[in-house]
Each structure stands twice: as C-alpha cells, then as structure tokens.
Amino acid sequence: SSKAKMAGIQGVPPAVVEAARGLGFTDGQVLRKVELPLALPVIMAGIRTATVINVGVATLAAYVAAGGLGEFIFEGISLNNPVMILAGAIPSAALALAFDAGLGALERLSAVRLRRVGLGLLVALPLLAAGYWLPQVLAQRRGHAGLQAAFSPEFIGRADCLPGLSRTYGLADLPHGVLAPALVYEALRDGRVDVIDGYSTDGRIRAYGLRVLRDDRHALPPYYCAPVLRPQLLAAHPELGPVLDQLSGQLTDSAMTTLNYQVDMLHREPRAVAQAWLRRHGLLRTPRPLPPGAPVVRLGSKIFAEQYILVELYAALIRGNTDLGVETKTGLGGTTICFEALRGGQIDMYPEYTGTGLQVLLQPSAAVLDSLGGRPAAVFQYVQAEFGRRYGLAWRAPLGFNNAYCLLMREAQARQLGISSISDLGRYLQR
C-alpha cells in the first residue's frame, strides 16, 4: 500500500499542483487538499489488493498452530477430503470479497462519514479483541492451567484418533490447534504446546525427553506395519513375493525406533540407514544390472521418516534379488492419497498399518470392532480379507513392529502434573 500511495501521489498532474501553489497553498495543504484526494483511487486500489492477499496468506497460520480457516484446508489436503477443503476455502474467499467490498464502500464515503466510520472502528476493535481473548483467560482460570495441544491434520480427522479418544477419555475440553506433522515434536520440545500426537516408534520420543501417555482403555487399535500391493504385481512377477517376505517379522519396535532415531535426530539419509540395517542382517546384495526394458516396480510412501526407511528397505531388496527396476515415490501425503494412488495404479505398493486399514479405509461397524477386540492377529486377518474383497488389494505378512498412535507430553511436565495415562489427562482436564 505504501507503493500505491507513492504511485498515486506521483501520478497527480504537475499542472494541478502548480495551480494550487499559485493560489497560495502551503506544502501541507497541497498534500492534504490536492494530492491525497486525487491519489485516493490508486491508494485504495493498493490497499484493497493487499487486504485480499493478506486474507489468503492468513490461512497459513494453521501450519504453526495459530488456528483459523486454514485448519480445514490443510486437514482436507492431508485427508484428501474435498468437502473439508471447501469448508475452509469458501469462507476464506468470501471473507476476502467482503473486505474488498467494504473498502470499496469506504472509498465512496464523504470525508465526514469516513471520520465517523474511523471512530467507530477505534471503539469496535478493542471490543473484538476482548471477545477473542476473554474466553481463553476464563478457561485458564477454570483450572486447566493453560494446557494446549497441537495435533497433525490426519490425527484430528481420523475417527480412530482424536474423535475416538475424546469420546473414550473425555478430552473435549482440551484446547488444540492443527500443526504440520514435521513441527509437532519441536513445538512440544520447545514448550509452545503441552500435548501432541505421535508414533510409538518415533526416535524423537527418547531424544526430546517425552512421555508416551498409556492408552489404558485400549481405544487405539494395533498398528502393525505390512506392505499392501496390487495382486497384478505378484501375478506378473511371482519371484517378488519371497523377496518382500524377507522382512516379515524382522523389525521389532526397538529396532524401528532406532532406525527412526538415526534419520530424525542424526539426520542420516533413509537409504543409508536402510542399507546399513540390511547389511547387518545379511540381507543386502549388490544391485543386479538391469536388462533392457526391465519392468519397474513403483514404491510409494506417506510423508514421514519411517515410511521413507521402509521404502528404501524394499527398494534395496528388490534391486539385489530381482531383475526389476525400482522407482520410489516418497512423501506422497496422507493415508487416503497413498491408498488412492495404489488403487489407481500410480504406484504398485506402499507400507500400511493394520489399524489404519481397519479404521480409516474399511471403517467397519461397532459390532465388527468389538468382535475383533483389538487382537493383532484378528485385525490383520480381517483387514487382509476385506481389502481383497472390496478393493482387490493384497497384504503381505507384517514386518513385526507396532507403530501405534499415541499422545505425548514432556516428561518433566507430565511427572509434575501426575499424568501417566490418557485417563489421567482426561481427569486433569475435568478438574
């Protein structure tokens, strides 16, 4: 808007300015009574443009847990949910249009009315600020001691995550915002939030001194990892099945946590970490030279370190034990994006978790969930059978580790507040 102001003033015809000086106007009078009124259309056009841009940029605040309509947009992108995206995008666009129309109306007001509007805004803005901050202050005084949570978009949107935990443990009173998955751990470590979602095999739990809150009511299903793939892949290349099965049951929780720690905290490349693990277990072989026109296996992954490591493990096994090429498509996005890419034939395989397949992709009835009872073998058999029946996709045997969703707090704070389980957190919020 400052550039628009300068451009507007500089665009005033010099002859008009000279005429004003000839009438005896001072420099201040020339600016106030000649240049600014004539430059007002250009200045207001710049202000309107800047305002519309700022409304759009403000949606990015959701990525740093500052709330706003951006929460709906980024959750929708992560979950591949067009309705949720539109729930944030349409109000944002309407807000931008409303600001533009309001500024256009101000531009047409007389000087007297403009001053009245300005005085009204001076009174209204403090009242609006008080209406925003007062509920937060009152909530803190009710005894929650200002506990603030930040969750990743997928954790907020999935029925088996925050919605399910809120019903089971009474977490409705926990204030929370949405934060990019790459930022939640750092936000908790730095004290900007007090509770986050995470994965039980994440290497940052130990590195940052965090406590996993025990899921004492078993609200979260088991999340054993296994490759899910298109059956056409094995039909065309049957030699691939035994190669993939070399990892079955080989990765324990502690082993996967160590691999994640090396990538997340020691900043080692996932490929180097994966190949080092294969070498230690005698599974790494020199890649075979590919014949001309060799078929290519396309491996996909979600957007976090563990998935990158798993894809590199499979890629190294395929390159060293088959005559197939490998194309890795890492960081595709959330669960739904990877799943739809697999169904649509854009990828041939990606690592998935039994709990995710059950709760997010199959979404069985409550009666079915009760019959499974959270038993790992029963959940895997159900997911394997239903994926084949509904989607024509196959699951191979699990890799061995259970990377369940969990809630995390700083160890020192959790100890001070006496919170060791999610039930403890629910009781603390209800004080």
Protein backbone atom coordinates (compact mmCIF):
# COMPACT_ATOMS: atom_id res chain seq x y z
CA SER A 1 0.00 0.00 0.00
CA SER A 2 2.96 2.35 0.55
CA LYS A 3 3.98 1.83 -3.07
CA ALA A 4 0.40 2.52 -4.14
CA LYS A 5 0.43 5.74 -2.11
CA MET A 6 3.64 6.91 -3.75
CA ALA A 7 2.40 5.93 -7.20
CA GLY A 8 -0.88 7.77 -6.63
CA ILE A 9 0.79 10.97 -5.43
CA GLN A 10 3.35 10.88 -8.22
CA GLY A 11 0.51 10.44 -10.70
CA VAL A 12 -1.11 13.77 -9.80
CA PRO A 13 -0.67 16.12 -12.80
CA PRO A 14 2.10 18.70 -12.12
CA ALA A 15 -0.12 21.45 -13.55
CA VAL A 16 -2.69 20.85 -10.80
CA VAL A 17 0.00 21.06 -8.12
CA GLU A 18 1.38 24.27 -9.63
CA ALA A 19 -2.11 25.77 -9.74
CA ALA A 20 -2.56 25.02 -6.04
CA ARG A 21 0.76 26.65 -5.20
CA GLY A 22 -0.26 29.65 -7.29
CA LEU A 23 -3.33 30.01 -5.07
CA GLY A 24 -1.05 30.21 -2.03
CA PHE A 25 -1.35 26.63 -0.71
CA THR A 26 1.43 25.52 1.61
CA ASP A 27 3.17 22.16 1.11
CA GLY A 28 0.96 20.58 3.76
CA GLN A 29 -2.20 21.97 2.17
CA VAL A 30 -1.10 20.74 -1.26
CA LEU A 31 -0.63 17.24 0.17
CA ARG A 32 -3.89 17.15 2.17
CA LYS A 33 -6.25 19.01 -0.16
CA VAL A 34 -4.89 18.25 -3.61
CA GLU A 35 -2.51 15.30 -3.90
CA LEU A 36 -4.12 12.85 -1.45
CA PRO A 37 -7.72 13.34 -2.69
CA LEU A 38 -6.63 12.91 -6.31
CA ALA A 39 -4.43 9.92 -5.45
CA LEU A 40 -7.10 8.24 -3.31
CA PRO A 41 -8.42 5.84 -6.02
CA VAL A 42 -4.93 4.47 -6.66
CA ILE A 43 -4.14 4.27 -2.93
CA MET A 44 -7.39 2.44 -2.16
CA ALA A 45 -6.80 0.02 -5.03
CA GLY A 46 -3.43 -0.88 -3.47
CA ILE A 47 -4.97 -1.28 0.00
CA ARG A 48 -7.74 -3.49 -1.35
CA THR A 49 -5.26 -5.70 -3.20
CA ALA A 50 -3.02 -6.02 -0.13
CA THR A 51 -6.01 -6.85 2.08
CA VAL A 52 -7.22 -9.64 -0.19
CA ILE A 53 -3.70 -11.10 -0.34
CA ASN A 54 -3.37 -10.96 3.45
CA VAL A 55 -6.64 -12.83 3.94
CA GLY A 56 -5.32 -15.63 1.75
CA VAL A 57 -1.92 -15.71 3.43
CA ALA A 58 -3.56 -15.77 6.88
CA THR A 59 -4.74 -19.33 6.25
CA LEU A 60 -1.09 -20.41 6.53
CA ALA A 61 -1.30 -19.61 10.25
CA ALA A 62 -2.84 -23.05 10.74
CA TYR A 63 0.53 -24.61 9.97
CA VAL A 64 2.03 -23.02 13.10
CA ALA A 65 -0.91 -23.91 15.39
CA ALA A 66 -2.41 -20.40 15.20
CA GLY A 67 -5.85 -21.66 14.13
CA GLY A 68 -8.09 -20.14 11.50
CA LEU A 69 -9.81 -21.42 8.39
CA GLY A 70 -6.52 -22.86 7.21
CA GLU A 71 -7.08 -25.77 9.62
CA PHE A 72 -9.92 -27.04 7.43
CA ILE A 73 -7.91 -26.54 4.25
CA PHE A 74 -4.78 -28.36 5.41
CA GLU A 75 -6.74 -31.15 7.10
CA GLY A 76 -8.66 -31.64 3.87
CA ILE A 77 -5.48 -31.75 1.80
CA SER A 78 -3.91 -34.27 4.17
CA LEU A 79 -7.01 -36.48 4.18
CA ASN A 80 -7.83 -35.91 0.50
CA ASN A 81 -11.25 -34.64 1.62
CA PRO A 82 -12.67 -32.09 -0.88
CA VAL A 83 -15.57 -31.17 1.41
CA MET A 84 -13.19 -30.21 4.21
CA ILE A 85 -11.02 -28.22 1.80
CA LEU A 86 -14.06 -26.29 0.56
CA ALA A 87 -15.20 -25.71 4.16
CA GLY A 88 -12.07 -23.62 4.63
CA ALA A 89 -11.57 -22.24 1.12
CA ILE A 90 -15.10 -20.90 0.52
CA PRO A 91 -15.30 -18.86 3.77
CA SER A 92 -11.77 -17.56 3.12
CA ALA A 93 -12.76 -16.41 -0.36
CA ALA A 94 -15.99 -14.89 0.98
CA LEU A 95 -14.04 -13.05 3.68
CA ALA A 96 -11.65 -11.64 1.09
CA LEU A 97 -14.55 -10.48 -1.09
CA ALA A 98 -16.28 -8.92 1.92
CA PHE A 99 -13.16 -6.95 2.85
CA ASP A 100 -12.76 -5.82 -0.74
CA ALA A 101 -16.39 -4.70 -0.93
CA GLY A 102 -16.15 -2.94 2.44
CA LEU A 103 -13.07 -0.99 1.42
CA GLY A 104 -14.76 -0.11 -1.85
CA ALA A 105 -17.71 1.29 0.10
CA LEU A 106 -15.35 3.30 2.33
CA GLU A 107 -13.75 4.78 -0.75
CA ARG A 108 -17.09 6.25 -1.81
CA LEU A 109 -17.88 7.85 1.57
CA SER A 110 -17.61 11.56 2.16
CA ALA A 111 -14.91 12.89 4.46
CA VAL A 112 -17.37 13.45 7.32
CA ARG A 113 -18.79 9.93 7.15
CA LEU A 114 -15.30 8.47 6.78
CA ARG A 115 -14.25 10.09 10.05
CA ARG A 116 -17.32 8.64 11.77
CA VAL A 117 -16.51 5.17 10.47
CA GLY A 118 -12.93 5.54 11.68
CA LEU A 119 -14.09 6.47 15.18
CA GLY A 120 -16.46 3.50 15.17
CA LEU A 121 -13.62 1.15 14.28
CA LEU A 122 -11.47 2.56 17.09
CA VAL A 123 -14.22 1.55 19.52
CA ALA A 124 -15.09 -1.79 17.89
CA LEU A 125 -11.58 -3.23 17.52
CA PRO A 126 -10.78 -3.33 21.28
CA LEU A 127 -14.17 -4.96 21.92
CA LEU A 128 -13.48 -7.61 19.28
CA ALA A 129 -10.04 -8.27 20.79
CA ALA A 130 -11.59 -8.64 24.24
CA GLY A 131 -14.17 -11.07 22.87
CA TYR A 132 -11.34 -13.21 21.46
CA TRP A 133 -9.03 -13.24 24.49
CA LEU A 134 -11.52 -13.24 27.37
CA PRO A 135 -12.80 -16.83 26.84
CA GLN A 136 -9.20 -18.10 26.79
CA VAL A 137 -8.36 -16.30 30.03
CA LEU A 138 -11.50 -17.66 31.70
CA ALA A 139 -10.69 -21.18 30.51
CA GLN A 140 -7.27 -20.95 32.14
CA ARG A 141 -8.78 -19.73 35.40
CA ARG A 142 -11.17 -22.70 35.45
CA GLY A 143 -8.21 -24.88 36.32
CA HIS A 144 -6.78 -26.29 33.09
CA ALA A 145 -3.53 -24.47 33.84
CA GLY A 146 -3.32 -23.42 30.21
CA LEU A 147 -2.72 -26.89 28.75
CA GLN A 148 -2.55 -26.51 24.99
CA ALA A 149 -2.40 -29.32 22.44
CA ALA A 150 -1.37 -29.40 18.80
CA PHE A 151 -2.23 -32.30 16.53
CA SER A 152 -1.43 -33.24 12.96
CA PRO A 153 -4.29 -32.92 10.43
CA GLU A 154 -4.67 -36.67 9.96
CA PHE A 155 -4.87 -37.31 13.72
CA ILE A 156 -7.66 -34.74 14.04
CA GLY A 157 -9.63 -36.07 11.09
CA ARG A 158 -9.39 -39.82 11.66
CA ALA A 159 -12.27 -41.44 13.55
CA ASP A 160 -9.94 -43.75 15.49
CA CYS A 161 -7.68 -40.92 16.66
CA LEU A 162 -8.78 -37.67 18.31
CA PRO A 163 -12.57 -38.17 17.89
CA GLY A 164 -12.36 -41.68 19.35
CA LEU A 165 -10.02 -40.67 22.17
CA SER A 166 -12.24 -37.69 23.04
CA ARG A 167 -15.26 -39.96 23.43
CA THR A 168 -13.40 -42.60 25.42
CA TYR A 169 -11.36 -40.35 27.70
CA GLY A 170 -13.34 -37.08 27.80
CA LEU A 171 -10.80 -34.85 26.04
CA ALA A 172 -13.37 -32.41 24.65
CA ASP A 173 -12.08 -29.66 26.99
CA LEU A 174 -8.51 -29.89 25.68
CA PRO A 175 -7.81 -26.78 23.54
CA HIS A 176 -5.95 -27.79 20.41
CA GLY A 177 -4.77 -26.49 17.07
CA VAL A 178 -3.57 -28.10 13.88
CA LEU A 179 0.14 -28.26 13.17
CA ALA A 180 2.17 -29.80 10.38
CA PRO A 181 3.44 -33.29 11.31
CA ALA A 182 7.03 -32.12 10.87
CA LEU A 183 6.55 -29.42 13.54
CA VAL A 184 4.59 -31.06 16.37
CA TYR A 185 7.58 -32.64 18.12
CA GLU A 186 9.62 -29.44 18.03
CA ALA A 187 6.64 -27.46 19.34
CA LEU A 188 6.34 -29.80 22.34
CA ARG A 189 10.08 -29.84 23.00
CA ASP A 190 10.27 -26.03 22.92
CA GLY A 191 7.31 -25.62 25.29
CA ARG A 192 4.94 -23.98 22.82
CA VAL A 193 2.37 -26.74 23.37
CA ASP A 194 1.85 -29.34 26.09
CA VAL A 195 0.27 -32.34 24.33
CA ILE A 196 0.82 -33.70 20.82
CA ASP A 197 0.10 -36.81 18.82
CA GLY A 198 2.94 -39.05 17.77
CA TYR A 199 4.01 -42.55 16.87
CA SER A 200 5.17 -45.05 19.46
CA THR A 201 8.30 -45.97 17.46
CA ASP A 202 9.40 -42.38 16.78
CA GLY A 203 13.05 -41.81 17.65
CA ARG A 204 12.37 -38.27 18.86
CA ILE A 205 10.49 -39.54 21.91
CA ARG A 206 13.73 -40.57 23.58
CA ALA A 207 15.78 -37.73 22.13
CA TYR A 208 13.43 -34.98 23.35
CA GLY A 209 12.65 -36.49 26.76
CA LEU A 210 8.96 -37.12 26.07
CA ARG A 211 6.48 -39.38 27.83
CA VAL A 212 4.04 -41.64 25.99
CA LEU A 213 0.67 -41.46 27.74
CA ARG A 214 -0.55 -45.01 28.24
CA ASP A 215 -3.71 -45.95 26.33
CA ASP A 216 -5.12 -47.73 29.39
CA ARG A 217 -8.59 -48.24 27.89
CA HIS A 218 -7.21 -49.59 24.59
CA ALA A 219 -9.07 -47.05 22.48
CA LEU A 220 -6.46 -47.22 19.71
CA PRO A 221 -6.25 -50.38 17.58
CA PRO A 222 -2.95 -52.18 16.86
CA TYR A 223 -0.89 -50.63 14.07
CA TYR A 224 1.31 -53.43 12.76
CA CYS A 225 3.03 -52.46 9.54
CA ALA A 226 2.83 -54.58 6.39
CA PRO A 227 3.18 -53.99 2.65
CA VAL A 228 -0.09 -53.60 0.74
CA LEU A 229 0.14 -54.09 -3.01
CA ARG A 230 -1.69 -54.74 -6.25
CA PRO A 231 -2.06 -58.52 -6.88
CA GLN A 232 -1.25 -57.94 -10.55
CA LEU A 233 2.30 -57.15 -9.45
CA LEU A 234 2.85 -60.62 -7.98
CA ALA A 235 0.98 -62.28 -10.83
CA ALA A 236 3.38 -60.71 -13.33
CA HIS A 237 6.47 -61.19 -11.15
CA PRO A 238 5.97 -64.15 -8.77
CA GLU A 239 9.64 -64.01 -7.76
CA LEU A 240 8.86 -60.77 -5.93
CA GLY A 241 6.80 -62.42 -3.16
CA PRO A 242 9.67 -64.25 -1.39
CA VAL A 243 11.82 -61.12 -1.69
CA LEU A 244 9.26 -58.97 0.09
CA ASP A 245 8.78 -61.64 2.75
CA GLN A 246 12.43 -61.37 3.78
CA LEU A 247 11.39 -58.50 6.07
CA SER A 248 8.39 -60.30 7.59
CA GLY A 249 8.70 -60.41 11.38
CA GLN A 250 12.24 -58.99 11.28
CA LEU A 251 11.69 -55.45 12.62
CA THR A 252 10.93 -55.14 16.33
CA ASP A 253 9.60 -51.99 17.99
CA SER A 254 13.03 -51.14 19.37
CA ALA A 255 14.74 -51.79 16.02
CA MET A 256 12.34 -49.48 14.19
CA THR A 257 12.71 -46.82 16.88
CA THR A 258 16.49 -46.94 16.43
CA LEU A 259 16.21 -46.58 12.66
CA ASN A 260 13.82 -43.65 13.04
CA TYR A 261 16.19 -42.01 15.54
CA GLN A 262 19.05 -42.18 13.05
CA VAL A 263 17.00 -40.40 10.38
CA ASP A 264 15.10 -37.90 12.54
CA MET A 265 17.81 -36.95 15.02
CA LEU A 266 21.15 -37.88 13.45
CA HIS A 267 19.95 -36.64 10.05
CA ARG A 268 21.20 -39.65 8.16
CA GLU A 269 19.76 -40.45 4.75
CA PRO A 270 16.98 -43.07 4.85
CA ARG A 271 18.71 -45.06 2.10
CA ALA A 272 21.97 -45.25 4.07
CA VAL A 273 20.13 -46.26 7.26
CA ALA A 274 18.13 -48.94 5.43
CA GLN A 275 21.14 -50.42 3.67
CA ALA A 276 23.18 -50.49 6.89
CA TRP A 277 20.41 -52.47 8.63
CA LEU A 278 20.18 -54.93 5.72
CA ARG A 279 23.95 -55.36 5.74
CA ARG A 280 24.00 -56.16 9.47
CA HIS A 281 21.34 -58.83 8.95
CA GLY A 282 22.97 -60.34 5.87
CA LEU A 283 20.19 -59.25 3.51
CA LEU A 284 21.98 -56.63 1.41
CA ARG A 285 23.12 -57.69 -2.04
CA THR A 286 24.74 -55.78 -4.86
CA PRO A 287 22.08 -54.48 -7.28
CA ARG A 288 21.77 -56.60 -10.38
CA PRO A 289 22.40 -54.99 -13.77
CA LEU A 290 19.03 -54.38 -15.39
CA PRO A 291 18.29 -55.88 -18.80
CA PRO A 292 16.98 -53.52 -21.48
CA GLY A 293 13.31 -52.70 -20.99
CA ALA A 294 13.19 -54.18 -17.48
CA PRO A 295 9.81 -53.73 -15.74
CA VAL A 296 9.72 -51.15 -12.94
CA VAL A 297 8.16 -51.57 -9.50
CA ARG A 298 6.78 -48.27 -8.17
CA LEU A 299 7.01 -47.94 -4.40
CA GLY A 300 5.08 -45.19 -2.62
CA SER A 301 5.15 -43.87 0.93
CA LYS A 302 3.48 -41.46 3.29
CA ILE A 303 5.17 -38.30 4.45
CA PHE A 304 7.31 -39.26 7.47
CA ALA A 305 10.72 -40.79 8.08
CA GLU A 306 9.64 -44.32 8.99
CA GLN A 307 7.91 -44.74 5.65
CA TYR A 308 10.97 -43.46 3.80
CA ILE A 309 13.12 -46.07 5.57
CA LEU A 310 10.71 -48.91 4.80
CA VAL A 311 10.55 -47.98 1.12
CA GLU A 312 14.35 -47.94 0.93
CA LEU A 313 14.49 -51.37 2.60
CA TYR A 314 12.18 -52.83 -0.01
CA ALA A 315 13.90 -51.00 -2.86
CA ALA A 316 17.30 -52.44 -1.88
CA LEU A 317 15.88 -55.97 -1.59
CA ILE A 318 14.20 -55.75 -4.99
CA ARG A 319 17.30 -54.35 -6.69
CA GLY A 320 19.56 -57.01 -5.16
CA ASN A 321 17.34 -60.06 -5.65
CA THR A 322 15.39 -59.48 -8.88
CA ASP A 323 15.83 -58.18 -12.40
CA LEU A 324 13.22 -55.48 -11.79
CA GLY A 325 13.80 -51.75 -11.72
CA VAL A 326 12.56 -49.68 -8.79
CA GLU A 327 11.00 -46.22 -8.76
CA THR A 328 10.40 -44.67 -5.33
CA LYS A 329 7.67 -42.07 -4.84
CA THR A 330 8.17 -40.99 -1.25
CA GLY A 331 6.22 -38.37 0.66
CA LEU A 332 3.03 -38.67 -1.38
CA GLY A 333 0.89 -37.43 1.51
CA GLY A 334 -1.55 -38.93 3.98
CA THR A 335 -3.25 -42.31 4.06
CA THR A 336 -6.02 -41.59 1.56
CA ILE A 337 -3.64 -40.19 -1.04
CA CYS A 338 -1.36 -43.25 -0.94
CA PHE A 339 -4.33 -45.62 -0.95
CA GLU A 340 -5.96 -43.95 -3.95
CA ALA A 341 -2.63 -43.90 -5.78
CA LEU A 342 -2.38 -47.66 -5.23
CA ARG A 343 -5.95 -48.31 -6.37
CA GLY A 344 -5.49 -46.05 -9.38
CA GLY A 345 -2.30 -47.79 -10.50
CA GLN A 346 0.03 -44.82 -9.93
CA ILE A 347 2.06 -46.97 -7.50
CA ASP A 348 2.36 -50.74 -7.03
CA MET A 349 2.98 -50.98 -3.29
CA TYR A 350 3.31 -48.94 -0.11
CA PRO A 351 3.72 -49.73 3.62
CA GLU A 352 0.46 -49.52 5.56
CA TYR A 353 -0.63 -50.15 9.14
CA THR A 354 -3.35 -52.59 10.18
CA GLY A 355 -5.09 -50.06 12.43
CA THR A 356 -5.17 -47.51 9.63
CA GLY A 357 -6.51 -50.03 7.16
CA LEU A 358 -9.19 -51.03 9.66
CA GLN A 359 -10.39 -47.66 10.97
CA VAL A 360 -9.72 -45.28 8.08
CA LEU A 361 -10.08 -47.31 4.90
CA LEU A 362 -12.52 -50.08 5.86
CA GLN A 363 -14.47 -48.32 8.64
CA PRO A 364 -16.32 -51.40 9.94
CA SER A 365 -19.32 -51.27 12.23
CA ALA A 366 -19.02 -51.09 16.00
CA ALA A 367 -20.10 -54.73 16.22
CA VAL A 368 -17.20 -55.81 14.00
CA LEU A 369 -14.72 -53.76 16.01
CA ASP A 370 -15.98 -55.31 19.23
CA SER A 371 -15.63 -58.80 17.76
CA LEU A 372 -12.02 -58.11 16.80
CA GLY A 373 -11.27 -56.87 20.30
CA GLY A 374 -8.03 -55.17 19.29
CA ARG A 375 -6.29 -58.54 18.82
CA PRO A 376 -3.40 -58.06 16.36
CA ALA A 377 -3.85 -61.36 14.51
CA ALA A 378 -7.63 -60.94 14.22
CA VAL A 379 -7.28 -57.36 12.97
CA PHE A 380 -4.71 -58.37 10.35
CA GLN A 381 -6.80 -61.29 9.07
CA TYR A 382 -9.89 -59.10 8.82
CA VAL A 383 -8.04 -56.30 7.02
CA GLN A 384 -6.35 -58.74 4.65
CA ALA A 385 -9.62 -60.44 3.72
CA GLU A 386 -11.67 -57.24 3.36
CA PHE A 387 -9.05 -55.45 1.25
CA GLY A 388 -9.09 -58.37 -1.16
CA ARG A 389 -12.89 -58.49 -1.27
CA ARG A 390 -13.62 -54.75 -1.51
CA TYR A 391 -10.61 -53.30 -3.29
CA GLY A 392 -8.80 -56.20 -4.93
CA LEU A 393 -5.61 -55.41 -2.99
CA ALA A 394 -3.30 -57.80 -1.13
CA TRP A 395 -1.49 -57.57 2.21
CA ARG A 396 1.76 -59.45 2.84
CA ALA A 397 2.82 -60.62 6.30
CA PRO A 398 3.51 -57.88 8.90
CA LEU A 399 7.07 -56.69 9.48
CA GLY A 400 6.89 -57.21 13.24
CA PHE A 401 6.67 -53.77 14.87
CA ASN A 402 3.58 -51.99 16.16
CA ASN A 403 3.73 -48.26 15.45
CA ALA A 404 0.60 -47.18 17.27
CA TYR A 405 -0.64 -43.61 17.53
CA CYS A 406 -0.06 -42.12 20.97
CA LEU A 407 -0.35 -38.90 22.96
CA LEU A 408 2.89 -37.34 24.19
CA MET A 409 3.86 -34.83 26.87
CA ARG A 410 7.18 -33.54 28.14
CA GLU A 411 8.45 -35.99 30.76
CA ALA A 412 9.09 -33.32 33.41
CA GLN A 413 5.67 -31.68 33.00
CA ALA A 414 3.81 -35.00 32.95
CA ARG A 415 5.58 -36.07 36.16
CA GLN A 416 4.80 -32.74 37.83
CA LEU A 417 1.09 -32.98 36.95
CA GLY A 418 0.87 -36.68 37.77
CA ILE A 419 -0.18 -37.68 34.25
CA SER A 420 0.99 -41.08 33.03
CA SER A 421 -2.03 -42.26 31.03
CA ILE A 422 -4.69 -40.74 28.80
CA SER A 423 -7.20 -41.36 31.60
CA ASP A 424 -5.05 -39.19 33.88
CA LEU A 425 -5.12 -36.44 31.25
CA GLY A 426 -8.91 -36.67 30.97
CA ARG A 427 -9.32 -36.43 34.76
CA TYR A 428 -6.94 -33.47 34.91
CA LEU A 429 -8.96 -31.58 32.28
CA GLN A 430 -12.21 -32.19 34.19
CA ARG A 431 -10.99 -30.64 37.44
